[in-house]
Amino acid sequence: MPLTILSSPFIKIAACLPIISLFLMILTPKIGLGIFIASIFFNVVFYLIYKAKLEMELIMLSYFVQTIGISVKVSKLSFIEDKIRPLINPLKSVLKYGFFFRIKSGSEVEVLIESISAMFLLPFVSFQLVDKKFRQHQDELQELCLLLGKLDANCGVLNFRQMNEGDWCKPDFSNETAIEVKSLIHPLIQRPVANSFDCHKTVLITGSNASGKST
């Protein structure tokens, strides 16, 4: 229900009403002022109610917007530029609304800005525009997240190899249902004990918490 209301034209109408009432004050000051005060009061109350109900959706969307921002920076790297630019070009326009999706620090300035934004429902209007853009380009967004995930995983593997020079190897894969390792060590232990084993069937390692199952 909250998402249905948030995606309706009602949001844009309510957001524009305070601005319209300002022009109406020129013709009929009393009526214009009354509509302005009523619309501001309604928008602030509406914002506070639905912000709590839609907190998860707003946070989720903020992560996607941040992902686009990071992608723009990553696209400057020559080795990935050709792959990532076609994906971010139709999406990077959402960065214009990134101000409303950033992580709040709770400063006095942010509280003031959020109060003003609530009067005109700017976060919800931005939500509509960003959500529409993401829905129109779901394939690009999904491919972009997958590409960034692979890049992040590869960076982790490269970092591990550099920090553990001589203690890693490339695995040899086969169609056999078996695993064979020699001098296997735990990568997070400073002085690990190497173990070798050859397993051709399922093995269940049991033990209480912190008993050393992973090592």
N, C-alpha and C. Protein backbone atom coordinates (compact mmCIF):
# COMPACT_ATOMS: atom_id res chain seq x y z
N MET A 1 0.81 -1.22 0.00
CA MET A 1 0.00 0.00 0.00
C MET A 1 0.85 1.28 0.00
N PRO A 2 1.86 1.41 0.88
CA PRO A 2 2.69 2.61 0.86
C PRO A 2 3.37 2.85 -0.48
N LEU A 3 3.88 1.77 -1.10
CA LEU A 3 4.55 1.91 -2.39
C LEU A 3 3.57 2.35 -3.47
N THR A 4 2.31 1.87 -3.39
CA THR A 4 1.30 2.25 -4.37
C THR A 4 1.03 3.74 -4.30
N ILE A 5 0.91 4.27 -3.09
CA ILE A 5 0.68 5.70 -2.92
C ILE A 5 1.88 6.50 -3.40
N LEU A 6 3.06 5.99 -3.09
CA LEU A 6 4.28 6.70 -3.43
C LEU A 6 4.50 6.78 -4.94
N SER A 7 3.96 5.84 -5.68
CA SER A 7 4.13 5.84 -7.13
C SER A 7 2.99 6.52 -7.87
N SER A 8 2.02 7.07 -7.13
CA SER A 8 0.86 7.71 -7.75
C SER A 8 1.14 9.17 -8.06
N PRO A 9 0.37 9.77 -8.99
CA PRO A 9 0.53 11.20 -9.32
C PRO A 9 0.23 12.12 -8.14
N PHE A 10 -0.44 11.58 -7.12
CA PHE A 10 -0.79 12.38 -5.95
C PHE A 10 0.44 13.03 -5.32
N ILE A 11 1.57 12.33 -5.34
CA ILE A 11 2.80 12.85 -4.73
C ILE A 11 3.23 14.14 -5.41
N LYS A 12 3.25 14.16 -6.72
CA LYS A 12 3.68 15.36 -7.44
C LYS A 12 2.70 16.51 -7.25
N ILE A 13 1.40 16.18 -7.17
CA ILE A 13 0.40 17.22 -6.95
C ILE A 13 0.59 17.85 -5.57
N ALA A 14 0.76 16.98 -4.56
CA ALA A 14 0.97 17.48 -3.20
C ALA A 14 2.26 18.28 -3.09
N ALA A 15 3.28 17.87 -3.84
CA ALA A 15 4.57 18.57 -3.80
C ALA A 15 4.47 19.96 -4.43
N CYS A 16 3.63 20.09 -5.46
CA CYS A 16 3.50 21.37 -6.17
C CYS A 16 2.52 22.33 -5.49
N LEU A 17 1.66 21.81 -4.63
CA LEU A 17 0.61 22.64 -4.02
C LEU A 17 1.16 23.83 -3.24
N PRO A 18 2.20 23.67 -2.40
CA PRO A 18 2.73 24.85 -1.70
C PRO A 18 3.26 25.92 -2.66
N ILE A 19 3.85 25.51 -3.76
CA ILE A 19 4.38 26.47 -4.74
C ILE A 19 3.23 27.19 -5.44
N ILE A 20 2.19 26.44 -5.80
CA ILE A 20 1.02 27.04 -6.45
C ILE A 20 0.35 28.04 -5.52
N SER A 21 0.28 27.70 -4.23
CA SER A 21 -0.37 28.59 -3.26
C SER A 21 0.38 29.92 -3.11
N LEU A 22 1.70 29.89 -3.32
CA LEU A 22 2.48 31.14 -3.25
C LEU A 22 2.06 32.10 -4.35
N PHE A 23 1.82 31.59 -5.55
CA PHE A 23 1.34 32.43 -6.64
C PHE A 23 -0.11 32.86 -6.40
N LEU A 24 -0.87 31.98 -5.74
CA LEU A 24 -2.27 32.29 -5.45
C LEU A 24 -2.38 33.44 -4.45
N MET A 25 -1.37 33.61 -3.61
CA MET A 25 -1.37 34.71 -2.63
C MET A 25 -1.41 36.08 -3.30
N ILE A 26 -0.88 36.15 -4.51
CA ILE A 26 -0.87 37.42 -5.24
C ILE A 26 -2.29 37.85 -5.57
N LEU A 27 -3.13 36.88 -5.92
CA LEU A 27 -4.52 37.19 -6.29
C LEU A 27 -5.42 37.26 -5.07
N THR A 28 -5.34 36.25 -4.22
CA THR A 28 -6.16 36.19 -3.01
C THR A 28 -5.26 35.82 -1.83
N PRO A 29 -4.70 36.81 -1.16
CA PRO A 29 -3.72 36.54 -0.09
C PRO A 29 -4.22 35.60 0.99
N LYS A 30 -5.44 35.79 1.46
CA LYS A 30 -5.94 34.97 2.57
C LYS A 30 -6.10 33.51 2.15
N ILE A 31 -6.73 33.31 1.00
CA ILE A 31 -6.94 31.93 0.52
C ILE A 31 -5.59 31.28 0.20
N GLY A 32 -4.73 32.04 -0.46
CA GLY A 32 -3.41 31.50 -0.80
C GLY A 32 -2.61 31.13 0.42
N LEU A 33 -2.63 32.00 1.45
CA LEU A 33 -1.90 31.71 2.68
C LEU A 33 -2.48 30.50 3.40
N GLY A 34 -3.81 30.39 3.39
CA GLY A 34 -4.46 29.25 4.03
C GLY A 34 -4.08 27.93 3.36
N ILE A 35 -4.10 27.94 2.03
CA ILE A 35 -3.72 26.72 1.29
C ILE A 35 -2.25 26.40 1.51
N PHE A 36 -1.41 27.43 1.57
CA PHE A 36 0.02 27.22 1.78
C PHE A 36 0.28 26.55 3.13
N ILE A 37 -0.31 27.09 4.19
CA ILE A 37 -0.10 26.52 5.53
C ILE A 37 -0.65 25.11 5.61
N ALA A 38 -1.86 24.90 5.04
CA ALA A 38 -2.48 23.57 5.08
C ALA A 38 -1.66 22.55 4.30
N SER A 39 -1.17 22.95 3.13
CA SER A 39 -0.40 22.01 2.29
C SER A 39 0.94 21.68 2.93
N ILE A 40 1.59 22.66 3.55
CA ILE A 40 2.86 22.41 4.23
C ILE A 40 2.65 21.46 5.40
N PHE A 41 1.62 21.72 6.18
CA PHE A 41 1.31 20.85 7.33
C PHE A 41 1.03 19.43 6.87
N PHE A 42 0.21 19.30 5.82
CA PHE A 42 -0.14 17.97 5.31
C PHE A 42 1.10 17.25 4.79
N ASN A 43 1.93 17.94 4.03
CA ASN A 43 3.12 17.31 3.44
C ASN A 43 4.09 16.83 4.50
N VAL A 44 4.30 17.64 5.54
CA VAL A 44 5.23 17.25 6.60
C VAL A 44 4.72 16.02 7.34
N VAL A 45 3.43 16.01 7.68
CA VAL A 45 2.85 14.86 8.37
C VAL A 45 2.89 13.62 7.48
N PHE A 46 2.52 13.80 6.22
CA PHE A 46 2.55 12.69 5.26
C PHE A 46 3.96 12.14 5.12
N TYR A 47 4.94 13.02 5.05
CA TYR A 47 6.34 12.61 4.91
C TYR A 47 6.80 11.81 6.11
N LEU A 48 6.50 12.29 7.31
CA LEU A 48 6.94 11.61 8.53
C LEU A 48 6.32 10.22 8.65
N ILE A 49 5.05 10.11 8.27
CA ILE A 49 4.35 8.81 8.37
C ILE A 49 4.92 7.81 7.38
N TYR A 50 5.02 8.23 6.12
CA TYR A 50 5.43 7.28 5.08
C TYR A 50 6.94 7.08 5.01
N LYS A 51 7.69 8.01 5.56
CA LYS A 51 9.14 7.80 5.63
C LYS A 51 9.45 6.61 6.52
N ALA A 52 8.72 6.49 7.64
CA ALA A 52 8.93 5.36 8.55
C ALA A 52 8.50 4.05 7.89
N LYS A 53 7.39 4.08 7.14
CA LYS A 53 6.88 2.86 6.50
C LYS A 53 7.75 2.42 5.32
N LEU A 54 8.39 3.39 4.69
CA LEU A 54 9.17 3.08 3.48
C LEU A 54 10.67 3.18 3.72
N GLU A 55 11.07 3.11 4.97
CA GLU A 55 12.49 3.28 5.29
C GLU A 55 13.36 2.25 4.57
N MET A 56 12.92 0.99 4.53
CA MET A 56 13.70 -0.06 3.89
C MET A 56 13.85 0.19 2.40
N GLU A 57 12.75 0.60 1.74
CA GLU A 57 12.80 0.87 0.30
C GLU A 57 13.71 2.06 -0.01
N LEU A 58 13.63 3.09 0.84
CA LEU A 58 14.46 4.27 0.63
C LEU A 58 15.95 3.95 0.80
N ILE A 59 16.26 3.13 1.81
CA ILE A 59 17.64 2.73 2.04
C ILE A 59 18.15 1.89 0.87
N MET A 60 17.31 0.95 0.42
CA MET A 60 17.69 0.09 -0.70
C MET A 60 17.98 0.93 -1.95
N LEU A 61 17.12 1.90 -2.21
CA LEU A 61 17.31 2.74 -3.39
C LEU A 61 18.56 3.60 -3.24
N SER A 62 18.86 4.02 -2.00
CA SER A 62 20.06 4.83 -1.78
C SER A 62 21.32 4.04 -2.11
N TYR A 63 21.31 2.73 -1.82
CA TYR A 63 22.47 1.90 -2.14
C TYR A 63 22.66 1.79 -3.65
N PHE A 64 21.56 1.69 -4.38
CA PHE A 64 21.65 1.63 -5.84
C PHE A 64 22.20 2.94 -6.40
N VAL A 65 21.74 4.06 -5.85
CA VAL A 65 22.24 5.36 -6.31
C VAL A 65 23.73 5.49 -6.02
N GLN A 66 24.16 5.04 -4.83
CA GLN A 66 25.58 5.06 -4.50
C GLN A 66 26.38 4.15 -5.43
N THR A 67 25.76 3.03 -5.82
CA THR A 67 26.42 2.11 -6.75
C THR A 67 26.68 2.78 -8.09
N ILE A 68 25.70 3.57 -8.55
CA ILE A 68 25.89 4.30 -9.81
C ILE A 68 27.02 5.31 -9.67
N GLY A 69 27.07 6.00 -8.53
CA GLY A 69 28.13 6.97 -8.29
C GLY A 69 29.51 6.34 -8.30
N ILE A 70 29.63 5.18 -7.66
CA ILE A 70 30.90 4.46 -7.65
C ILE A 70 31.25 3.98 -9.05
N SER A 71 30.23 3.55 -9.79
CA SER A 71 30.47 3.04 -11.15
C SER A 71 31.03 4.12 -12.06
N VAL A 72 30.56 5.35 -11.88
CA VAL A 72 31.07 6.47 -12.69
C VAL A 72 32.56 6.66 -12.43
N LYS A 73 32.97 6.54 -11.16
CA LYS A 73 34.40 6.67 -10.83
C LYS A 73 35.21 5.50 -11.39
N VAL A 74 34.64 4.29 -11.27
CA VAL A 74 35.34 3.10 -11.75
C VAL A 74 35.48 3.13 -13.26
N SER A 75 34.52 3.75 -13.95
CA SER A 75 34.54 3.77 -15.42
C SER A 75 35.74 4.53 -15.97
N LYS A 76 36.43 5.28 -15.12
CA LYS A 76 37.62 6.01 -15.56
C LYS A 76 38.83 5.10 -15.72
N LEU A 77 38.72 3.86 -15.19
CA LEU A 77 39.81 2.90 -15.33
C LEU A 77 39.78 2.33 -16.75
N SER A 78 40.88 2.38 -17.43
CA SER A 78 40.94 2.02 -18.85
C SER A 78 40.57 0.56 -19.12
N PHE A 79 40.94 -0.36 -18.21
CA PHE A 79 40.73 -1.78 -18.50
C PHE A 79 39.27 -2.20 -18.41
N ILE A 80 38.41 -1.36 -17.83
CA ILE A 80 37.00 -1.74 -17.69
C ILE A 80 36.07 -0.71 -18.33
N GLU A 81 36.62 0.35 -18.86
CA GLU A 81 35.83 1.45 -19.40
C GLU A 81 34.85 1.00 -20.48
N ASP A 82 35.30 0.18 -21.41
CA ASP A 82 34.44 -0.24 -22.53
C ASP A 82 33.25 -1.06 -22.07
N LYS A 83 33.41 -1.80 -20.98
CA LYS A 83 32.33 -2.66 -20.50
C LYS A 83 31.32 -1.91 -19.64
N ILE A 84 31.82 -0.95 -18.85
CA ILE A 84 30.96 -0.34 -17.84
C ILE A 84 30.23 0.91 -18.34
N ARG A 85 30.82 1.63 -19.28
CA ARG A 85 30.20 2.87 -19.74
C ARG A 85 28.84 2.66 -20.41
N PRO A 86 28.66 1.65 -21.27
CA PRO A 86 27.34 1.43 -21.85
C PRO A 86 26.27 1.11 -20.81
N LEU A 87 26.68 0.61 -19.65
CA LEU A 87 25.73 0.27 -18.60
C LEU A 87 25.34 1.47 -17.76
N ILE A 88 26.28 2.38 -17.52
CA ILE A 88 25.99 3.51 -16.63
C ILE A 88 25.42 4.72 -17.38
N ASN A 89 25.63 4.80 -18.69
CA ASN A 89 25.15 5.96 -19.44
C ASN A 89 23.64 6.18 -19.29
N PRO A 90 22.80 5.14 -19.38
CA PRO A 90 21.36 5.39 -19.21
C PRO A 90 20.93 5.54 -17.75
N LEU A 91 21.85 5.34 -16.81
CA LEU A 91 21.49 5.35 -15.39
C LEU A 91 22.05 6.53 -14.61
N LYS A 92 23.11 7.16 -15.12
CA LYS A 92 23.82 8.15 -14.31
C LYS A 92 23.02 9.43 -14.07
N SER A 93 21.90 9.60 -14.77
CA SER A 93 21.07 10.78 -14.52
C SER A 93 20.46 10.76 -13.12
N VAL A 94 20.39 9.58 -12.48
CA VAL A 94 19.81 9.49 -11.13
C VAL A 94 20.71 10.16 -10.10
N LEU A 95 21.96 10.42 -10.45
CA LEU A 95 22.88 11.06 -9.50
C LEU A 95 22.44 12.48 -9.16
N LYS A 96 21.58 13.07 -10.01
CA LYS A 96 21.06 14.40 -9.72
C LYS A 96 20.21 14.39 -8.45
N TYR A 97 19.64 13.22 -8.14
CA TYR A 97 18.79 13.11 -6.96
C TYR A 97 19.51 12.41 -5.81
N GLY A 98 20.81 12.21 -5.96
CA GLY A 98 21.57 11.49 -4.95
C GLY A 98 21.57 12.18 -3.60
N PHE A 99 21.36 13.50 -3.59
CA PHE A 99 21.35 14.25 -2.33
C PHE A 99 20.30 13.70 -1.37
N PHE A 100 19.17 13.25 -1.90
CA PHE A 100 18.08 12.77 -1.06
C PHE A 100 18.24 11.31 -0.65
N PHE A 101 19.28 10.64 -1.18
CA PHE A 101 19.47 9.22 -0.88
C PHE A 101 20.80 8.95 -0.17
N ARG A 102 21.49 10.00 0.23
CA ARG A 102 22.76 9.79 0.92
C ARG A 102 22.53 9.37 2.36
N ILE A 103 23.56 8.81 2.99
CA ILE A 103 23.48 8.42 4.38
C ILE A 103 23.49 9.67 5.25
N LYS A 104 22.49 9.80 6.12
CA LYS A 104 22.37 10.98 6.97
C LYS A 104 23.34 10.93 8.13
N SER A 105 23.94 12.09 8.44
CA SER A 105 24.87 12.18 9.57
C SER A 105 24.21 12.77 10.80
N GLY A 106 23.02 13.37 10.63
CA GLY A 106 22.29 13.91 11.77
C GLY A 106 22.74 15.30 12.17
N SER A 107 23.48 16.01 11.32
CA SER A 107 23.94 17.35 11.66
C SER A 107 22.77 18.34 11.62
N GLU A 108 22.97 19.51 12.22
CA GLU A 108 21.91 20.52 12.29
C GLU A 108 21.53 21.00 10.89
N VAL A 109 22.51 21.12 10.03
CA VAL A 109 22.24 21.56 8.65
C VAL A 109 21.38 20.54 7.93
N GLU A 110 21.69 19.25 8.11
CA GLU A 110 20.91 18.20 7.45
C GLU A 110 19.48 18.16 7.97
N VAL A 111 19.30 18.38 9.27
CA VAL A 111 17.95 18.41 9.84
C VAL A 111 17.15 19.54 9.22
N LEU A 112 17.78 20.70 9.05
CA LEU A 112 17.10 21.85 8.44
C LEU A 112 16.75 21.55 6.99
N ILE A 113 17.69 20.99 6.25
CA ILE A 113 17.45 20.67 4.84
C ILE A 113 16.35 19.63 4.69
N GLU A 114 16.37 18.62 5.56
CA GLU A 114 15.34 17.58 5.49
C GLU A 114 13.97 18.15 5.81
N SER A 115 13.91 19.11 6.73
CA SER A 115 12.63 19.73 7.07
C SER A 115 12.06 20.48 5.88
N ILE A 116 12.93 21.22 5.19
CA ILE A 116 12.49 21.95 4.00
C ILE A 116 12.08 20.98 2.89
N SER A 117 12.85 19.90 2.74
CA SER A 117 12.53 18.89 1.72
C SER A 117 11.18 18.24 2.00
N ALA A 118 10.89 18.02 3.29
CA ALA A 118 9.62 17.39 3.65
C ALA A 118 8.43 18.27 3.28
N MET A 119 8.60 19.59 3.36
CA MET A 119 7.50 20.50 3.03
C MET A 119 7.06 20.35 1.58
N PHE A 120 8.00 19.99 0.73
CA PHE A 120 7.69 19.85 -0.70
C PHE A 120 7.79 18.40 -1.18
N LEU A 121 7.89 17.47 -0.24
CA LEU A 121 7.96 16.03 -0.54
C LEU A 121 9.06 15.71 -1.55
N LEU A 122 10.15 16.44 -1.49
CA LEU A 122 11.23 16.25 -2.47
C LEU A 122 11.83 14.84 -2.44
N PRO A 123 12.02 14.23 -1.25
CA PRO A 123 12.56 12.86 -1.24
C PRO A 123 11.64 11.87 -1.94
N PHE A 124 10.32 12.04 -1.79
CA PHE A 124 9.38 11.11 -2.42
C PHE A 124 9.28 11.34 -3.93
N VAL A 125 9.36 12.60 -4.34
CA VAL A 125 9.38 12.90 -5.78
C VAL A 125 10.63 12.30 -6.41
N SER A 126 11.75 12.44 -5.72
CA SER A 126 13.01 11.85 -6.20
C SER A 126 12.90 10.34 -6.25
N PHE A 127 12.24 9.76 -5.25
CA PHE A 127 12.03 8.31 -5.22
C PHE A 127 11.28 7.86 -6.47
N GLN A 128 10.24 8.59 -6.83
CA GLN A 128 9.46 8.26 -8.03
C GLN A 128 10.34 8.26 -9.28
N LEU A 129 11.11 9.32 -9.44
CA LEU A 129 11.91 9.48 -10.65
C LEU A 129 13.02 8.43 -10.73
N VAL A 130 13.69 8.19 -9.60
CA VAL A 130 14.77 7.21 -9.58
C VAL A 130 14.23 5.80 -9.77
N ASP A 131 13.14 5.48 -9.09
CA ASP A 131 12.54 4.16 -9.21
C ASP A 131 12.10 3.89 -10.65
N LYS A 132 11.52 4.89 -11.29
CA LYS A 132 11.09 4.75 -12.69
C LYS A 132 12.28 4.50 -13.60
N LYS A 133 13.37 5.23 -13.38
CA LYS A 133 14.57 5.06 -14.20
C LYS A 133 15.16 3.66 -14.03
N PHE A 134 15.21 3.17 -12.80
CA PHE A 134 15.75 1.84 -12.55
C PHE A 134 14.87 0.75 -13.16
N ARG A 135 13.56 0.95 -13.12
CA ARG A 135 12.66 -0.05 -13.71
C ARG A 135 12.79 -0.07 -15.23
N GLN A 136 13.05 1.07 -15.82
CA GLN A 136 13.21 1.14 -17.28
C GLN A 136 14.50 0.48 -17.74
N HIS A 137 15.49 0.44 -16.86
CA HIS A 137 16.80 -0.11 -17.23
C HIS A 137 17.23 -1.19 -16.24
N GLN A 138 16.32 -2.12 -15.97
CA GLN A 138 16.61 -3.21 -15.03
C GLN A 138 17.78 -4.07 -15.50
N ASP A 139 17.81 -4.36 -16.78
CA ASP A 139 18.87 -5.23 -17.31
C ASP A 139 20.25 -4.59 -17.13
N GLU A 140 20.34 -3.29 -17.45
CA GLU A 140 21.63 -2.60 -17.29
C GLU A 140 22.05 -2.55 -15.83
N LEU A 141 21.08 -2.29 -14.94
CA LEU A 141 21.39 -2.21 -13.51
C LEU A 141 21.86 -3.55 -12.97
N GLN A 142 21.18 -4.62 -13.39
CA GLN A 142 21.56 -5.95 -12.94
C GLN A 142 22.95 -6.33 -13.46
N GLU A 143 23.21 -6.03 -14.72
CA GLU A 143 24.51 -6.34 -15.31
C GLU A 143 25.61 -5.51 -14.65
N LEU A 144 25.29 -4.27 -14.31
CA LEU A 144 26.27 -3.40 -13.64
C LEU A 144 26.64 -3.93 -12.26
N CYS A 145 25.63 -4.35 -11.50
CA CYS A 145 25.89 -4.91 -10.16
C CYS A 145 26.72 -6.18 -10.26
N LEU A 146 26.43 -7.00 -11.27
CA LEU A 146 27.19 -8.23 -11.48
C LEU A 146 28.64 -7.92 -11.83
N LEU A 147 28.84 -6.93 -12.69
CA LEU A 147 30.19 -6.55 -13.10
C LEU A 147 31.00 -6.00 -11.93
N LEU A 148 30.37 -5.15 -11.11
CA LEU A 148 31.05 -4.60 -9.94
C LEU A 148 31.35 -5.68 -8.92
N GLY A 149 30.43 -6.65 -8.80
CA GLY A 149 30.67 -7.76 -7.88
C GLY A 149 31.87 -8.59 -8.29
N LYS A 150 31.99 -8.86 -9.59
CA LYS A 150 33.15 -9.61 -10.09
C LYS A 150 34.44 -8.82 -9.88
N LEU A 151 34.37 -7.52 -10.13
CA LEU A 151 35.55 -6.67 -9.94
C LEU A 151 35.98 -6.66 -8.48
N ASP A 152 35.02 -6.55 -7.58
CA ASP A 152 35.32 -6.55 -6.15
C ASP A 152 35.92 -7.88 -5.71
N ALA A 153 35.35 -8.97 -6.22
CA ALA A 153 35.87 -10.30 -5.88
C ALA A 153 37.29 -10.48 -6.40
N ASN A 154 37.54 -10.02 -7.62
CA ASN A 154 38.88 -10.13 -8.19
C ASN A 154 39.90 -9.29 -7.42
N CYS A 155 39.46 -8.11 -6.95
CA CYS A 155 40.36 -7.28 -6.14
C CYS A 155 40.71 -7.99 -4.83
N GLY A 156 39.71 -8.68 -4.25
CA GLY A 156 39.96 -9.42 -3.03
C GLY A 156 40.94 -10.56 -3.24
N VAL A 157 40.77 -11.28 -4.34
CA VAL A 157 41.68 -12.39 -4.66
C VAL A 157 43.09 -11.87 -4.91
N LEU A 158 43.20 -10.77 -5.66
CA LEU A 158 44.52 -10.19 -5.94
C LEU A 158 45.20 -9.72 -4.66
N ASN A 159 44.43 -9.09 -3.79
CA ASN A 159 44.99 -8.63 -2.52
C ASN A 159 45.48 -9.80 -1.67
N PHE A 160 44.69 -10.88 -1.66
CA PHE A 160 45.08 -12.07 -0.91
C PHE A 160 46.38 -12.66 -1.46
N ARG A 161 46.49 -12.73 -2.77
CA ARG A 161 47.69 -13.31 -3.38
C ARG A 161 48.93 -12.46 -3.09
N GLN A 162 48.76 -11.15 -3.11
CA GLN A 162 49.90 -10.28 -2.83
C GLN A 162 50.35 -10.38 -1.37
N MET A 163 49.38 -10.55 -0.47
CA MET A 163 49.71 -10.64 0.96
C MET A 163 50.22 -12.02 1.35
N ASN A 164 49.93 -13.03 0.54
CA ASN A 164 50.33 -14.40 0.85
C ASN A 164 51.16 -14.99 -0.28
N GLU A 165 52.15 -14.26 -0.70
CA GLU A 165 53.00 -14.70 -1.80
C GLU A 165 53.67 -16.03 -1.46
N GLY A 166 53.49 -17.02 -2.33
CA GLY A 166 54.09 -18.33 -2.11
C GLY A 166 53.20 -19.30 -1.35
N ASP A 167 52.08 -18.81 -0.81
CA ASP A 167 51.18 -19.67 -0.03
C ASP A 167 49.85 -19.90 -0.73
N TRP A 168 49.79 -19.68 -2.02
CA TRP A 168 48.56 -19.92 -2.75
C TRP A 168 48.89 -20.60 -4.08
N CYS A 169 47.88 -21.19 -4.68
CA CYS A 169 48.06 -21.85 -5.98
C CYS A 169 46.74 -21.82 -6.73
N LYS A 170 46.81 -22.06 -8.01
CA LYS A 170 45.60 -22.16 -8.83
C LYS A 170 45.09 -23.59 -8.77
N PRO A 171 43.81 -23.78 -8.48
CA PRO A 171 43.28 -25.14 -8.38
C PRO A 171 43.15 -25.81 -9.74
N ASP A 172 43.29 -27.11 -9.75
CA ASP A 172 43.04 -27.92 -10.94
C ASP A 172 41.68 -28.58 -10.79
N PHE A 173 40.75 -28.23 -11.66
CA PHE A 173 39.40 -28.76 -11.57
C PHE A 173 39.26 -30.03 -12.42
N SER A 174 38.43 -30.94 -11.94
CA SER A 174 38.15 -32.18 -12.67
C SER A 174 36.69 -32.55 -12.48
N ASN A 175 36.24 -33.55 -13.22
CA ASN A 175 34.85 -34.00 -13.11
C ASN A 175 34.65 -35.02 -11.99
N GLU A 176 35.70 -35.39 -11.31
CA GLU A 176 35.59 -36.35 -10.22
C GLU A 176 34.97 -35.70 -8.99
N THR A 177 34.19 -36.49 -8.26
CA THR A 177 33.60 -36.00 -7.01
C THR A 177 34.60 -36.23 -5.88
N ALA A 178 35.68 -35.48 -5.92
CA ALA A 178 36.74 -35.65 -4.93
C ALA A 178 37.49 -34.33 -4.77
N ILE A 179 38.21 -34.23 -3.67
CA ILE A 179 39.04 -33.06 -3.42
C ILE A 179 40.35 -33.51 -2.80
N GLU A 180 41.43 -33.00 -3.32
CA GLU A 180 42.76 -33.35 -2.83
C GLU A 180 43.56 -32.07 -2.62
N VAL A 181 44.09 -31.90 -1.43
CA VAL A 181 44.87 -30.71 -1.13
C VAL A 181 46.18 -31.11 -0.47
N LYS A 182 47.19 -30.28 -0.68
CA LYS A 182 48.49 -30.50 -0.05
C LYS A 182 48.94 -29.22 0.65
N SER A 183 49.32 -29.38 1.90
CA SER A 183 49.81 -28.25 2.72
C SER A 183 48.81 -27.11 2.76
N LEU A 184 47.56 -27.46 3.02
CA LEU A 184 46.49 -26.46 3.10
C LEU A 184 46.59 -25.71 4.43
N ILE A 185 46.51 -24.37 4.38
CA ILE A 185 46.59 -23.57 5.60
C ILE A 185 45.42 -22.59 5.67
N HIS A 186 45.15 -22.11 6.86
CA HIS A 186 44.12 -21.10 7.07
C HIS A 186 44.73 -19.73 6.75
N PRO A 187 44.12 -18.95 5.86
CA PRO A 187 44.74 -17.69 5.42
C PRO A 187 44.74 -16.58 6.47
N LEU A 188 43.94 -16.70 7.52
CA LEU A 188 43.84 -15.63 8.50
C LEU A 188 44.67 -15.87 9.76
N ILE A 189 45.39 -16.98 9.80
CA ILE A 189 46.21 -17.31 10.97
C ILE A 189 47.67 -17.00 10.66
N GLN A 190 48.36 -16.35 11.60
CA GLN A 190 49.75 -15.94 11.37
C GLN A 190 50.70 -17.12 11.27
N ARG A 191 50.55 -18.11 12.15
CA ARG A 191 51.43 -19.29 12.11
C ARG A 191 50.56 -20.54 11.98
N PRO A 192 50.00 -20.77 10.81
CA PRO A 192 49.10 -21.92 10.64
C PRO A 192 49.84 -23.24 10.53
N VAL A 193 49.12 -24.30 10.84
CA VAL A 193 49.65 -25.66 10.68
C VAL A 193 49.11 -26.22 9.37
N ALA A 194 50.00 -26.59 8.46
CA ALA A 194 49.59 -27.09 7.15
C ALA A 194 49.04 -28.51 7.26
N ASN A 195 47.99 -28.77 6.50
CA ASN A 195 47.38 -30.10 6.47
C ASN A 195 47.15 -30.53 5.03
N SER A 196 47.31 -31.82 4.80
CA SER A 196 47.04 -32.40 3.48
C SER A 196 45.99 -33.50 3.63
N PHE A 197 45.11 -33.60 2.66
CA PHE A 197 44.15 -34.70 2.70
C PHE A 197 43.62 -34.98 1.29
N ASP A 198 43.14 -36.19 1.14
CA ASP A 198 42.59 -36.66 -0.13
C ASP A 198 41.23 -37.27 0.17
N CYS A 199 40.17 -36.61 -0.26
CA CYS A 199 38.81 -37.03 0.10
C CYS A 199 38.02 -37.38 -1.16
N HIS A 200 37.43 -38.57 -1.15
CA HIS A 200 36.62 -39.02 -2.29
C HIS A 200 35.17 -39.26 -1.91
N LYS A 201 34.78 -38.81 -0.74
CA LYS A 201 33.39 -38.93 -0.32
C LYS A 201 33.06 -37.77 0.62
N THR A 202 31.79 -37.65 0.95
CA THR A 202 31.35 -36.55 1.79
C THR A 202 31.96 -36.63 3.18
N VAL A 203 32.42 -35.49 3.68
CA VAL A 203 33.01 -35.41 5.02
C VAL A 203 32.24 -34.39 5.83
N LEU A 204 31.85 -34.76 7.04
CA LEU A 204 31.14 -33.86 7.93
C LEU A 204 32.05 -33.52 9.10
N ILE A 205 32.43 -32.25 9.21
CA ILE A 205 33.29 -31.80 10.31
C ILE A 205 32.41 -31.18 11.38
N THR A 206 32.43 -31.75 12.56
CA THR A 206 31.58 -31.28 13.65
C THR A 206 32.43 -30.77 14.81
N GLY A 207 31.78 -30.07 15.70
CA GLY A 207 32.46 -29.55 16.88
C GLY A 207 31.72 -28.35 17.44
N SER A 208 31.98 -28.03 18.67
CA SER A 208 31.32 -26.89 19.30
C SER A 208 31.88 -25.58 18.76
N ASN A 209 31.25 -24.49 19.13
CA ASN A 209 31.71 -23.18 18.66
C ASN A 209 33.14 -22.89 19.15
N ALA A 210 33.93 -22.27 18.27
CA ALA A 210 35.31 -21.88 18.59
C ALA A 210 36.18 -23.08 18.94
N SER A 211 35.87 -24.24 18.36
CA SER A 211 36.67 -25.44 18.65
C SER A 211 37.74 -25.70 17.60
N GLY A 212 37.78 -24.88 16.52
CA GLY A 212 38.81 -25.02 15.51
C GLY A 212 38.39 -25.73 14.25
N LYS A 213 37.10 -25.77 13.95
CA LYS A 213 36.63 -26.48 12.74
C LYS A 213 37.20 -25.85 11.47
N SER A 214 37.27 -24.53 11.43
CA SER A 214 37.74 -23.86 10.21
C SER A 214 39.24 -23.97 10.02
N THR A 215 39.99 -24.21 11.10
CA THR A 215 41.45 -24.28 10.99
C THR A 215 41.92 -25.71 10.84
